[in-house]
Amino acid sequence: MAALGRSQAEEAHAIARDATGQLHRAFPTSPAALSTFGALNLFNAIALARLGRPADAWHSWKLAHRSATALGKNHHHPLTMFGAANVAIYSVALHIETGQAATAIKNAGRIDLATIPSTNRRAQHLIDLAQGHLRRNEPDAAITALLASEQQSTETIAFNRAAHTTIMEIIEGTKRPPRAALDLAARILKAT
């Protein structure tokens, strides 16, 4: 996660690949190992998408999906934040990363935010959704998603490069930037 946050997709991929290779032996006896394997595959999926390898990215996501299915619909690991809801929100992020904004937005509509126990992950999901709306030239929907993200976790949106970029694109993309976007930008700058 840290490597992805630093835009170091190659490092993130290498760490996830190596770590998942070590976890196979522990699957039969450890839900924690399966949760960790699933979470690492989600990180790997994003890393691979950023490396321009969409087929490999979706393969990694499918491995995570299988892990979540094996653990059960209501499983949520408190340390890895891994479970079916997390897999669903990563599918939205992966569609954004691979240039499929319409599919991302459609899939996001099927996700109940209340099923995501982490406010950080809810906030990140809403940032991903905002990016999708902006790619579809829907700045009002994008700002609505960003404001919802801020309500979930001010810290997440304040320190998220994608959120900053999205807000700036909204502001710079119009002759009269929406007041909500300007106000959000001011709050985020104040928080950082």
N, C-alpha and C. Protein backbone atom coordinates (compact mmCIF):
# COMPACT_ATOMS: atom_id res chain seq x y z
N MET A 1 0.83 -1.18 0.00
CA MET A 1 0.00 0.00 0.00
C MET A 1 0.88 1.25 0.00
N ALA A 2 1.93 1.22 0.79
CA ALA A 2 2.82 2.38 0.84
C ALA A 2 3.49 2.62 -0.51
N ALA A 3 3.91 1.56 -1.16
CA ALA A 3 4.56 1.71 -2.47
C ALA A 3 3.57 2.27 -3.49
N LEU A 4 2.32 1.82 -3.46
CA LEU A 4 1.31 2.38 -4.37
C LEU A 4 1.09 3.85 -4.08
N GLY A 5 1.07 4.21 -2.80
CA GLY A 5 0.89 5.61 -2.41
C GLY A 5 2.02 6.50 -2.88
N ARG A 6 3.20 5.92 -3.06
CA ARG A 6 4.36 6.67 -3.56
C ARG A 6 4.49 6.58 -5.07
N SER A 7 3.47 6.02 -5.71
CA SER A 7 3.46 5.83 -7.17
C SER A 7 4.61 4.92 -7.63
N GLN A 8 4.91 3.93 -6.82
CA GLN A 8 5.95 2.96 -7.16
C GLN A 8 5.30 1.60 -7.42
N ALA A 9 4.64 1.52 -8.57
CA ALA A 9 3.87 0.33 -8.92
C ALA A 9 4.76 -0.90 -9.07
N GLU A 10 5.93 -0.75 -9.62
CA GLU A 10 6.83 -1.90 -9.80
C GLU A 10 7.22 -2.49 -8.44
N GLU A 11 7.53 -1.63 -7.49
CA GLU A 11 7.88 -2.12 -6.14
C GLU A 11 6.67 -2.79 -5.49
N ALA A 12 5.50 -2.19 -5.62
CA ALA A 12 4.28 -2.77 -5.04
C ALA A 12 4.02 -4.15 -5.63
N HIS A 13 4.18 -4.26 -6.93
CA HIS A 13 3.97 -5.56 -7.60
C HIS A 13 4.97 -6.59 -7.08
N ALA A 14 6.23 -6.23 -6.98
CA ALA A 14 7.27 -7.17 -6.53
C ALA A 14 7.00 -7.64 -5.10
N ILE A 15 6.63 -6.73 -4.23
CA ILE A 15 6.35 -7.10 -2.83
C ILE A 15 5.14 -8.03 -2.77
N ALA A 16 4.06 -7.66 -3.46
CA ALA A 16 2.85 -8.48 -3.42
C ALA A 16 3.10 -9.86 -4.02
N ARG A 17 3.80 -9.91 -5.14
CA ARG A 17 4.09 -11.19 -5.80
C ARG A 17 4.89 -12.10 -4.87
N ASP A 18 5.93 -11.55 -4.26
CA ASP A 18 6.78 -12.36 -3.40
C ASP A 18 6.03 -12.81 -2.14
N ALA A 19 5.27 -11.91 -1.55
CA ALA A 19 4.56 -12.25 -0.31
C ALA A 19 3.45 -13.28 -0.56
N THR A 20 2.71 -13.14 -1.65
CA THR A 20 1.65 -14.12 -1.91
C THR A 20 2.22 -15.50 -2.16
N GLY A 21 3.39 -15.55 -2.74
CA GLY A 21 4.03 -16.84 -2.96
C GLY A 21 4.35 -17.57 -1.66
N GLN A 22 4.57 -16.84 -0.60
CA GLN A 22 4.90 -17.43 0.70
C GLN A 22 3.67 -17.87 1.49
N LEU A 23 2.49 -17.40 1.11
CA LEU A 23 1.30 -17.64 1.92
C LEU A 23 0.54 -18.92 1.57
N HIS A 24 0.80 -19.51 0.43
CA HIS A 24 0.03 -20.68 -0.01
C HIS A 24 -0.01 -21.81 1.01
N ARG A 25 1.09 -22.06 1.68
CA ARG A 25 1.15 -23.18 2.64
C ARG A 25 0.22 -22.99 3.82
N ALA A 26 -0.08 -21.74 4.18
CA ALA A 26 -0.87 -21.47 5.38
C ALA A 26 -2.38 -21.45 5.12
N PHE A 27 -2.82 -21.47 3.86
CA PHE A 27 -4.25 -21.35 3.54
C PHE A 27 -5.15 -22.32 4.29
N PRO A 28 -4.82 -23.62 4.27
CA PRO A 28 -5.79 -24.56 4.83
C PRO A 28 -6.11 -24.34 6.30
N THR A 29 -5.20 -23.75 7.04
CA THR A 29 -5.40 -23.62 8.48
C THR A 29 -5.54 -22.19 8.96
N SER A 30 -5.44 -21.21 8.09
CA SER A 30 -5.39 -19.84 8.57
C SER A 30 -6.24 -18.88 7.74
N PRO A 31 -7.40 -18.48 8.27
CA PRO A 31 -8.17 -17.44 7.59
C PRO A 31 -7.39 -16.14 7.48
N ALA A 32 -6.52 -15.88 8.46
CA ALA A 32 -5.70 -14.65 8.40
C ALA A 32 -4.75 -14.69 7.21
N ALA A 33 -4.19 -15.86 6.92
CA ALA A 33 -3.30 -15.99 5.76
C ALA A 33 -4.07 -15.79 4.47
N LEU A 34 -5.27 -16.35 4.39
CA LEU A 34 -6.09 -16.19 3.19
C LEU A 34 -6.52 -14.73 3.03
N SER A 35 -6.82 -14.06 4.14
CA SER A 35 -7.15 -12.63 4.09
C SER A 35 -5.97 -11.81 3.61
N THR A 36 -4.79 -12.13 4.11
CA THR A 36 -3.59 -11.41 3.70
C THR A 36 -3.30 -11.66 2.22
N PHE A 37 -3.45 -12.90 1.79
CA PHE A 37 -3.28 -13.25 0.38
C PHE A 37 -4.25 -12.44 -0.49
N GLY A 38 -5.49 -12.38 -0.08
CA GLY A 38 -6.49 -11.62 -0.83
C GLY A 38 -6.15 -10.14 -0.89
N ALA A 39 -5.79 -9.57 0.25
CA ALA A 39 -5.46 -8.14 0.30
C ALA A 39 -4.25 -7.83 -0.58
N LEU A 40 -3.24 -8.68 -0.52
CA LEU A 40 -2.04 -8.47 -1.35
C LEU A 40 -2.38 -8.56 -2.83
N ASN A 41 -3.29 -9.45 -3.19
CA ASN A 41 -3.69 -9.56 -4.59
C ASN A 41 -4.45 -8.32 -5.04
N LEU A 42 -5.21 -7.69 -4.15
CA LEU A 42 -5.87 -6.44 -4.52
C LEU A 42 -4.85 -5.34 -4.78
N PHE A 43 -3.85 -5.23 -3.91
CA PHE A 43 -2.79 -4.24 -4.14
C PHE A 43 -2.05 -4.54 -5.43
N ASN A 44 -1.79 -5.83 -5.66
CA ASN A 44 -1.09 -6.23 -6.86
C ASN A 44 -1.91 -5.89 -8.11
N ALA A 45 -3.22 -6.06 -8.03
CA ALA A 45 -4.08 -5.74 -9.18
C ALA A 45 -3.93 -4.28 -9.56
N ILE A 46 -3.94 -3.39 -8.59
CA ILE A 46 -3.78 -1.96 -8.87
C ILE A 46 -2.39 -1.69 -9.44
N ALA A 47 -1.38 -2.30 -8.83
CA ALA A 47 -0.01 -2.11 -9.32
C ALA A 47 0.12 -2.56 -10.78
N LEU A 48 -0.42 -3.72 -11.09
CA LEU A 48 -0.33 -4.24 -12.45
C LEU A 48 -1.09 -3.36 -13.44
N ALA A 49 -2.23 -2.83 -13.02
CA ALA A 49 -2.98 -1.91 -13.89
C ALA A 49 -2.14 -0.67 -14.18
N ARG A 50 -1.49 -0.15 -13.16
CA ARG A 50 -0.65 1.04 -13.34
C ARG A 50 0.58 0.75 -14.19
N LEU A 51 0.97 -0.51 -14.25
CA LEU A 51 2.11 -0.91 -15.08
C LEU A 51 1.67 -1.22 -16.51
N GLY A 52 0.39 -1.01 -16.79
CA GLY A 52 -0.12 -1.25 -18.15
C GLY A 52 -0.34 -2.72 -18.46
N ARG A 53 -0.67 -3.50 -17.44
CA ARG A 53 -0.89 -4.94 -17.62
C ARG A 53 -2.30 -5.30 -17.15
N PRO A 54 -3.32 -4.85 -17.87
CA PRO A 54 -4.70 -5.05 -17.41
C PRO A 54 -5.12 -6.51 -17.26
N ALA A 55 -4.72 -7.38 -18.16
CA ALA A 55 -5.11 -8.79 -18.05
C ALA A 55 -4.55 -9.41 -16.77
N ASP A 56 -3.29 -9.11 -16.47
CA ASP A 56 -2.68 -9.61 -15.23
C ASP A 56 -3.34 -8.98 -14.01
N ALA A 57 -3.72 -7.71 -14.13
CA ALA A 57 -4.39 -7.02 -13.03
C ALA A 57 -5.71 -7.71 -12.70
N TRP A 58 -6.48 -8.01 -13.72
CA TRP A 58 -7.77 -8.67 -13.48
C TRP A 58 -7.58 -10.10 -12.98
N HIS A 59 -6.52 -10.77 -13.38
CA HIS A 59 -6.24 -12.11 -12.85
C HIS A 59 -5.96 -12.01 -11.34
N SER A 60 -5.18 -11.04 -10.95
CA SER A 60 -4.87 -10.85 -9.53
C SER A 60 -6.15 -10.52 -8.75
N TRP A 61 -7.01 -9.67 -9.32
CA TRP A 61 -8.28 -9.35 -8.66
C TRP A 61 -9.13 -10.61 -8.50
N LYS A 62 -9.14 -11.48 -9.51
CA LYS A 62 -9.93 -12.72 -9.43
C LYS A 62 -9.41 -13.64 -8.32
N LEU A 63 -8.11 -13.66 -8.11
CA LEU A 63 -7.55 -14.44 -7.00
C LEU A 63 -8.05 -13.89 -5.66
N ALA A 64 -8.11 -12.57 -5.56
CA ALA A 64 -8.63 -11.96 -4.34
C ALA A 64 -10.12 -12.29 -4.18
N HIS A 65 -10.86 -12.23 -5.27
CA HIS A 65 -12.29 -12.53 -5.23
C HIS A 65 -12.52 -13.98 -4.76
N ARG A 66 -11.71 -14.91 -5.26
CA ARG A 66 -11.83 -16.31 -4.82
C ARG A 66 -11.54 -16.44 -3.33
N SER A 67 -10.55 -15.68 -2.86
CA SER A 67 -10.23 -15.72 -1.42
C SER A 67 -11.41 -15.22 -0.59
N ALA A 68 -12.00 -14.12 -1.03
CA ALA A 68 -13.14 -13.56 -0.29
C ALA A 68 -14.31 -14.54 -0.31
N THR A 69 -14.54 -15.19 -1.44
CA THR A 69 -15.62 -16.17 -1.54
C THR A 69 -15.37 -17.34 -0.60
N ALA A 70 -14.14 -17.81 -0.52
CA ALA A 70 -13.79 -18.91 0.37
C ALA A 70 -13.97 -18.54 1.84
N LEU A 71 -13.74 -17.28 2.16
CA LEU A 71 -13.87 -16.82 3.55
C LEU A 71 -15.32 -16.54 3.95
N GLY A 72 -16.17 -16.35 2.97
CA GLY A 72 -17.59 -16.11 3.27
C GLY A 72 -17.97 -14.65 3.13
N LYS A 73 -19.22 -14.44 2.79
CA LYS A 73 -19.74 -13.09 2.49
C LYS A 73 -19.56 -12.11 3.65
N ASN A 74 -19.69 -12.58 4.87
CA ASN A 74 -19.63 -11.67 6.03
C ASN A 74 -18.25 -11.55 6.65
N HIS A 75 -17.26 -12.21 6.07
CA HIS A 75 -15.90 -12.14 6.62
C HIS A 75 -15.32 -10.74 6.40
N HIS A 76 -14.72 -10.24 7.44
CA HIS A 76 -13.97 -8.98 7.35
C HIS A 76 -12.81 -9.09 8.32
N HIS A 77 -11.60 -9.09 7.79
CA HIS A 77 -10.42 -9.21 8.64
C HIS A 77 -10.05 -7.83 9.16
N PRO A 78 -9.97 -7.65 10.47
CA PRO A 78 -9.74 -6.31 11.03
C PRO A 78 -8.37 -5.70 10.73
N LEU A 79 -7.37 -6.51 10.45
CA LEU A 79 -6.04 -5.96 10.16
C LEU A 79 -5.84 -5.68 8.68
N THR A 80 -6.30 -6.57 7.83
CA THR A 80 -6.09 -6.38 6.40
C THR A 80 -7.24 -5.62 5.74
N MET A 81 -8.36 -5.47 6.44
CA MET A 81 -9.57 -4.86 5.89
C MET A 81 -10.09 -5.65 4.70
N PHE A 82 -9.73 -6.94 4.67
CA PHE A 82 -10.10 -7.77 3.53
C PHE A 82 -11.43 -8.46 3.77
N GLY A 83 -12.23 -8.45 2.73
CA GLY A 83 -13.51 -9.14 2.73
C GLY A 83 -14.21 -8.86 1.40
N ALA A 84 -15.40 -9.38 1.25
CA ALA A 84 -16.14 -9.25 0.00
C ALA A 84 -16.39 -7.78 -0.38
N ALA A 85 -16.70 -6.95 0.60
CA ALA A 85 -16.95 -5.53 0.30
C ALA A 85 -15.69 -4.85 -0.24
N ASN A 86 -14.55 -5.19 0.33
CA ASN A 86 -13.29 -4.60 -0.14
C ASN A 86 -12.97 -5.06 -1.56
N VAL A 87 -13.25 -6.30 -1.87
CA VAL A 87 -13.04 -6.81 -3.22
C VAL A 87 -13.93 -6.04 -4.20
N ALA A 88 -15.16 -5.77 -3.80
CA ALA A 88 -16.09 -5.04 -4.67
C ALA A 88 -15.59 -3.62 -4.94
N ILE A 89 -15.10 -2.94 -3.92
CA ILE A 89 -14.65 -1.56 -4.16
C ILE A 89 -13.35 -1.54 -4.97
N TYR A 90 -12.55 -2.58 -4.84
CA TYR A 90 -11.35 -2.65 -5.68
C TYR A 90 -11.71 -2.90 -7.14
N SER A 91 -12.84 -3.55 -7.40
CA SER A 91 -13.23 -3.72 -8.80
C SER A 91 -13.53 -2.36 -9.42
N VAL A 92 -14.11 -1.45 -8.63
CA VAL A 92 -14.36 -0.09 -9.11
C VAL A 92 -13.03 0.61 -9.39
N ALA A 93 -12.12 0.53 -8.44
CA ALA A 93 -10.81 1.16 -8.61
C ALA A 93 -10.07 0.59 -9.82
N LEU A 94 -10.17 -0.70 -10.01
CA LEU A 94 -9.48 -1.34 -11.12
C LEU A 94 -10.10 -0.93 -12.46
N HIS A 95 -11.41 -0.80 -12.50
CA HIS A 95 -12.03 -0.30 -13.73
C HIS A 95 -11.57 1.13 -14.03
N ILE A 96 -11.43 1.95 -13.01
CA ILE A 96 -10.92 3.32 -13.20
C ILE A 96 -9.49 3.25 -13.74
N GLU A 97 -8.65 2.44 -13.11
CA GLU A 97 -7.24 2.33 -13.51
C GLU A 97 -7.09 1.83 -14.95
N THR A 98 -8.03 1.01 -15.40
CA THR A 98 -7.92 0.43 -16.74
C THR A 98 -8.77 1.17 -17.76
N GLY A 99 -9.24 2.37 -17.40
CA GLY A 99 -9.93 3.23 -18.36
C GLY A 99 -11.38 2.86 -18.64
N GLN A 100 -12.02 2.18 -17.72
CA GLN A 100 -13.41 1.77 -17.90
C GLN A 100 -14.31 2.51 -16.90
N ALA A 101 -14.37 3.83 -17.05
CA ALA A 101 -15.10 4.67 -16.09
C ALA A 101 -16.58 4.33 -16.03
N ALA A 102 -17.22 4.09 -17.16
CA ALA A 102 -18.65 3.80 -17.17
C ALA A 102 -18.96 2.53 -16.37
N THR A 103 -18.15 1.51 -16.56
CA THR A 103 -18.34 0.26 -15.82
C THR A 103 -18.07 0.47 -14.34
N ALA A 104 -17.06 1.27 -14.02
CA ALA A 104 -16.75 1.57 -12.62
C ALA A 104 -17.93 2.23 -11.93
N ILE A 105 -18.51 3.22 -12.58
CA ILE A 105 -19.65 3.93 -11.99
C ILE A 105 -20.84 3.00 -11.83
N LYS A 106 -21.09 2.16 -12.82
CA LYS A 106 -22.19 1.21 -12.75
C LYS A 106 -21.99 0.25 -11.57
N ASN A 107 -20.78 -0.29 -11.44
CA ASN A 107 -20.49 -1.21 -10.34
C ASN A 107 -20.55 -0.53 -8.98
N ALA A 108 -20.13 0.72 -8.92
CA ALA A 108 -20.16 1.46 -7.65
C ALA A 108 -21.60 1.61 -7.16
N GLY A 109 -22.54 1.71 -8.08
CA GLY A 109 -23.94 1.83 -7.69
C GLY A 109 -24.48 0.61 -6.98
N ARG A 110 -23.81 -0.51 -7.09
CA ARG A 110 -24.23 -1.76 -6.45
C ARG A 110 -23.63 -1.95 -5.06
N ILE A 111 -22.76 -1.05 -4.66
CA ILE A 111 -22.04 -1.20 -3.40
C ILE A 111 -22.71 -0.37 -2.31
N ASP A 112 -23.01 -1.03 -1.21
CA ASP A 112 -23.56 -0.36 -0.04
C ASP A 112 -22.38 0.07 0.85
N LEU A 113 -22.15 1.38 0.95
CA LEU A 113 -21.00 1.86 1.74
C LEU A 113 -21.03 1.37 3.19
N ALA A 114 -22.22 1.11 3.70
CA ALA A 114 -22.34 0.65 5.09
C ALA A 114 -21.70 -0.73 5.29
N THR A 115 -21.48 -1.48 4.21
CA THR A 115 -20.85 -2.80 4.34
C THR A 115 -19.33 -2.71 4.41
N ILE A 116 -18.80 -1.51 4.25
CA ILE A 116 -17.35 -1.31 4.29
C ILE A 116 -16.99 -0.76 5.67
N PRO A 117 -16.39 -1.57 6.53
CA PRO A 117 -16.15 -1.13 7.90
C PRO A 117 -15.11 -0.03 8.06
N SER A 118 -14.25 0.15 7.10
CA SER A 118 -13.16 1.12 7.21
C SER A 118 -13.57 2.46 6.59
N THR A 119 -13.53 3.53 7.39
CA THR A 119 -13.83 4.86 6.84
C THR A 119 -12.79 5.27 5.80
N ASN A 120 -11.57 4.84 5.98
CA ASN A 120 -10.52 5.14 5.02
C ASN A 120 -10.83 4.51 3.66
N ARG A 121 -11.25 3.24 3.66
CA ARG A 121 -11.58 2.57 2.40
C ARG A 121 -12.84 3.17 1.78
N ARG A 122 -13.81 3.56 2.60
CA ARG A 122 -15.01 4.22 2.04
C ARG A 122 -14.61 5.52 1.36
N ALA A 123 -13.75 6.28 2.03
CA ALA A 123 -13.31 7.57 1.47
C ALA A 123 -12.52 7.35 0.18
N GLN A 124 -11.63 6.36 0.15
CA GLN A 124 -10.86 6.08 -1.05
C GLN A 124 -11.78 5.64 -2.19
N HIS A 125 -12.76 4.81 -1.87
CA HIS A 125 -13.71 4.36 -2.88
C HIS A 125 -14.43 5.56 -3.50
N LEU A 126 -14.81 6.51 -2.70
CA LEU A 126 -15.51 7.70 -3.21
C LEU A 126 -14.58 8.57 -4.05
N ILE A 127 -13.30 8.60 -3.72
CA ILE A 127 -12.32 9.31 -4.56
C ILE A 127 -12.21 8.61 -5.91
N ASP A 128 -12.16 7.29 -5.89
CA ASP A 128 -12.13 6.53 -7.15
C ASP A 128 -13.38 6.83 -7.99
N LEU A 129 -14.52 6.86 -7.32
CA LEU A 129 -15.78 7.15 -8.01
C LEU A 129 -15.74 8.56 -8.61
N ALA A 130 -15.20 9.52 -7.88
CA ALA A 130 -15.07 10.89 -8.39
C ALA A 130 -14.21 10.92 -9.65
N GLN A 131 -13.12 10.16 -9.65
CA GLN A 131 -12.27 10.10 -10.84
C GLN A 131 -13.06 9.55 -12.03
N GLY A 132 -13.86 8.54 -11.78
CA GLY A 132 -14.67 7.96 -12.85
C GLY A 132 -15.65 8.97 -13.42
N HIS A 133 -16.30 9.71 -12.54
CA HIS A 133 -17.24 10.74 -13.01
C HIS A 133 -16.52 11.82 -13.81
N LEU A 134 -15.36 12.21 -13.35
CA LEU A 134 -14.63 13.24 -14.07
C LEU A 134 -14.20 12.75 -15.45
N ARG A 135 -13.80 11.51 -15.55
CA ARG A 135 -13.42 10.96 -16.85
C ARG A 135 -14.61 10.89 -17.80
N ARG A 136 -15.80 10.87 -17.26
CA ARG A 136 -17.00 10.87 -18.08
C ARG A 136 -17.56 12.29 -18.25
N ASN A 137 -16.74 13.27 -17.89
CA ASN A 137 -17.12 14.68 -17.99
C ASN A 137 -18.38 14.98 -17.18
N GLU A 138 -18.39 14.51 -15.95
CA GLU A 138 -19.49 14.73 -15.02
C GLU A 138 -18.93 15.40 -13.75
N PRO A 139 -18.51 16.68 -13.87
CA PRO A 139 -17.86 17.33 -12.74
C PRO A 139 -18.76 17.49 -11.52
N ASP A 140 -20.05 17.69 -11.72
CA ASP A 140 -20.94 17.82 -10.56
C ASP A 140 -21.01 16.53 -9.76
N ALA A 141 -21.11 15.40 -10.46
CA ALA A 141 -21.12 14.11 -9.78
C ALA A 141 -19.77 13.84 -9.11
N ALA A 142 -18.70 14.29 -9.75
CA ALA A 142 -17.36 14.10 -9.18
C ALA A 142 -17.22 14.87 -7.87
N ILE A 143 -17.67 16.11 -7.85
CA ILE A 143 -17.55 16.91 -6.62
C ILE A 143 -18.45 16.34 -5.53
N THR A 144 -19.60 15.83 -5.91
CA THR A 144 -20.49 15.19 -4.92
C THR A 144 -19.78 14.00 -4.28
N ALA A 145 -19.11 13.19 -5.08
CA ALA A 145 -18.37 12.03 -4.55
C ALA A 145 -17.22 12.48 -3.65
N LEU A 146 -16.53 13.55 -4.06
CA LEU A 146 -15.42 14.05 -3.23
C LEU A 146 -15.93 14.60 -1.89
N LEU A 147 -17.05 15.28 -1.90
CA LEU A 147 -17.62 15.79 -0.64
C LEU A 147 -18.04 14.64 0.26
N ALA A 148 -18.59 13.59 -0.34
CA ALA A 148 -18.94 12.40 0.44
C ALA A 148 -17.69 11.74 1.01
N SER A 149 -16.60 11.73 0.24
CA SER A 149 -15.34 11.18 0.71
C SER A 149 -14.84 11.98 1.92
N GLU A 150 -14.94 13.29 1.82
CA GLU A 150 -14.51 14.14 2.94
C GLU A 150 -15.31 13.83 4.19
N GLN A 151 -16.60 13.55 4.04
CA GLN A 151 -17.43 13.21 5.20
C GLN A 151 -17.01 11.88 5.83
N GLN A 152 -16.52 10.97 5.01
CA GLN A 152 -16.08 9.68 5.53
C GLN A 152 -14.75 9.79 6.27
N SER A 153 -13.80 10.53 5.68
CA SER A 153 -12.47 10.66 6.28
C SER A 153 -11.76 11.88 5.73
N THR A 154 -11.75 12.93 6.50
CA THR A 154 -11.07 14.16 6.10
C THR A 154 -9.59 13.89 5.85
N GLU A 155 -9.00 13.06 6.68
CA GLU A 155 -7.57 12.77 6.54
C GLU A 155 -7.26 12.05 5.22
N THR A 156 -8.12 11.11 4.85
CA THR A 156 -7.88 10.37 3.61
C THR A 156 -7.86 11.30 2.41
N ILE A 157 -8.87 12.13 2.29
CA ILE A 157 -8.94 13.01 1.12
C ILE A 157 -7.87 14.10 1.18
N ALA A 158 -7.52 14.53 2.38
CA ALA A 158 -6.52 15.60 2.51
C ALA A 158 -5.13 15.15 2.05
N PHE A 159 -4.82 13.88 2.21
CA PHE A 159 -3.48 13.40 1.88
C PHE A 159 -3.46 12.48 0.66
N ASN A 160 -4.47 12.55 -0.16
CA ASN A 160 -4.59 11.67 -1.32
C ASN A 160 -4.31 12.46 -2.60
N ARG A 161 -3.25 12.06 -3.31
CA ARG A 161 -2.87 12.76 -4.54
C ARG A 161 -3.97 12.72 -5.60
N ALA A 162 -4.63 11.59 -5.73
CA ALA A 162 -5.70 11.47 -6.73
C ALA A 162 -6.84 12.44 -6.41
N ALA A 163 -7.14 12.60 -5.14
CA ALA A 163 -8.20 13.55 -4.76
C ALA A 163 -7.78 14.97 -5.11
N HIS A 164 -6.55 15.32 -4.80
CA HIS A 164 -6.05 16.67 -5.13
C HIS A 164 -6.11 16.91 -6.63
N THR A 165 -5.66 15.93 -7.40
CA THR A 165 -5.66 16.06 -8.86
C THR A 165 -7.08 16.22 -9.39
N THR A 166 -7.98 15.44 -8.87
CA THR A 166 -9.38 15.49 -9.32
C THR A 166 -9.99 16.85 -9.01
N ILE A 167 -9.76 17.34 -7.81
CA ILE A 167 -10.29 18.66 -7.44
C ILE A 167 -9.72 19.74 -8.35
N MET A 168 -8.41 19.69 -8.60
CA MET A 168 -7.79 20.70 -9.46
C MET A 168 -8.31 20.62 -10.89
N GLU A 169 -8.54 19.41 -11.37
CA GLU A 169 -9.10 19.26 -12.73
C GLU A 169 -10.51 19.85 -12.81
N ILE A 170 -11.27 19.68 -11.76
CA ILE A 170 -12.62 20.27 -11.74
C ILE A 170 -12.52 21.79 -11.76
N ILE A 171 -11.64 22.33 -10.93
CA ILE A 171 -11.50 23.79 -10.83
C ILE A 171 -10.94 24.37 -12.13
N GLU A 172 -9.90 23.74 -12.66
CA GLU A 172 -9.26 24.27 -13.86
C GLU A 172 -10.03 23.97 -15.15
N GLY A 173 -10.97 23.03 -15.07
CA GLY A 173 -11.69 22.62 -16.27
C GLY A 173 -12.92 23.45 -16.60
N THR A 174 -13.21 24.44 -15.79
CA THR A 174 -14.39 25.27 -16.04
C THR A 174 -14.03 26.74 -15.90
N LYS A 175 -14.77 27.58 -16.62
CA LYS A 175 -14.54 29.02 -16.51
C LYS A 175 -14.98 29.54 -15.15
N ARG A 176 -16.06 28.95 -14.64
CA ARG A 176 -16.55 29.32 -13.31
C ARG A 176 -16.56 28.07 -12.44
N PRO A 177 -15.47 27.83 -11.74
CA PRO A 177 -15.39 26.62 -10.91
C PRO A 177 -16.53 26.57 -9.89
N PRO A 178 -17.06 25.39 -9.65
CA PRO A 178 -18.12 25.26 -8.65
C PRO A 178 -17.63 25.70 -7.28
N ARG A 179 -18.45 26.43 -6.58
CA ARG A 179 -18.10 26.93 -5.24
C ARG A 179 -17.72 25.77 -4.32
N ALA A 180 -18.44 24.67 -4.43
CA ALA A 180 -18.16 23.50 -3.59
C ALA A 180 -16.74 22.99 -3.82
N ALA A 181 -16.28 23.01 -5.06
CA ALA A 181 -14.92 22.56 -5.37
C ALA A 181 -13.89 23.51 -4.79
N LEU A 182 -14.13 24.81 -4.90
CA LEU A 182 -13.21 25.80 -4.34
C LEU A 182 -13.14 25.68 -2.82
N ASP A 183 -14.30 25.52 -2.20
CA ASP A 183 -14.34 25.39 -0.73
C ASP A 183 -13.62 24.11 -0.29
N LEU A 184 -13.84 23.01 -1.00
CA LEU A 184 -13.18 21.76 -0.66
C LEU A 184 -11.67 21.89 -0.83
N ALA A 185 -11.23 22.51 -1.90
CA ALA A 185 -9.80 22.72 -2.12
C ALA A 185 -9.20 23.53 -0.97
N ALA A 186 -9.90 24.57 -0.54
CA ALA A 186 -9.39 25.40 0.56
C ALA A 186 -9.29 24.58 1.85
N ARG A 187 -10.29 23.76 2.13
CA ARG A 187 -10.26 22.94 3.36
C ARG A 187 -9.12 21.92 3.30
N ILE A 188 -8.91 21.34 2.15
CA ILE A 188 -7.87 20.32 2.03
C ILE A 188 -6.49 20.96 2.17
N LEU A 189 -6.29 22.11 1.54
CA LEU A 189 -5.01 22.79 1.67
C LEU A 189 -4.74 23.18 3.10
N LYS A 190 -5.77 23.58 3.81
CA LYS A 190 -5.63 23.95 5.23
C LYS A 190 -5.26 22.73 6.07
N ALA A 191 -5.79 21.56 5.70
CA ALA A 191 -5.54 20.35 6.48
C ALA A 191 -4.14 19.77 6.26
N THR A 192 -3.52 20.09 5.11
CA THR A 192 -2.22 19.48 4.82
C THR A 192 -1.05 20.33 5.26
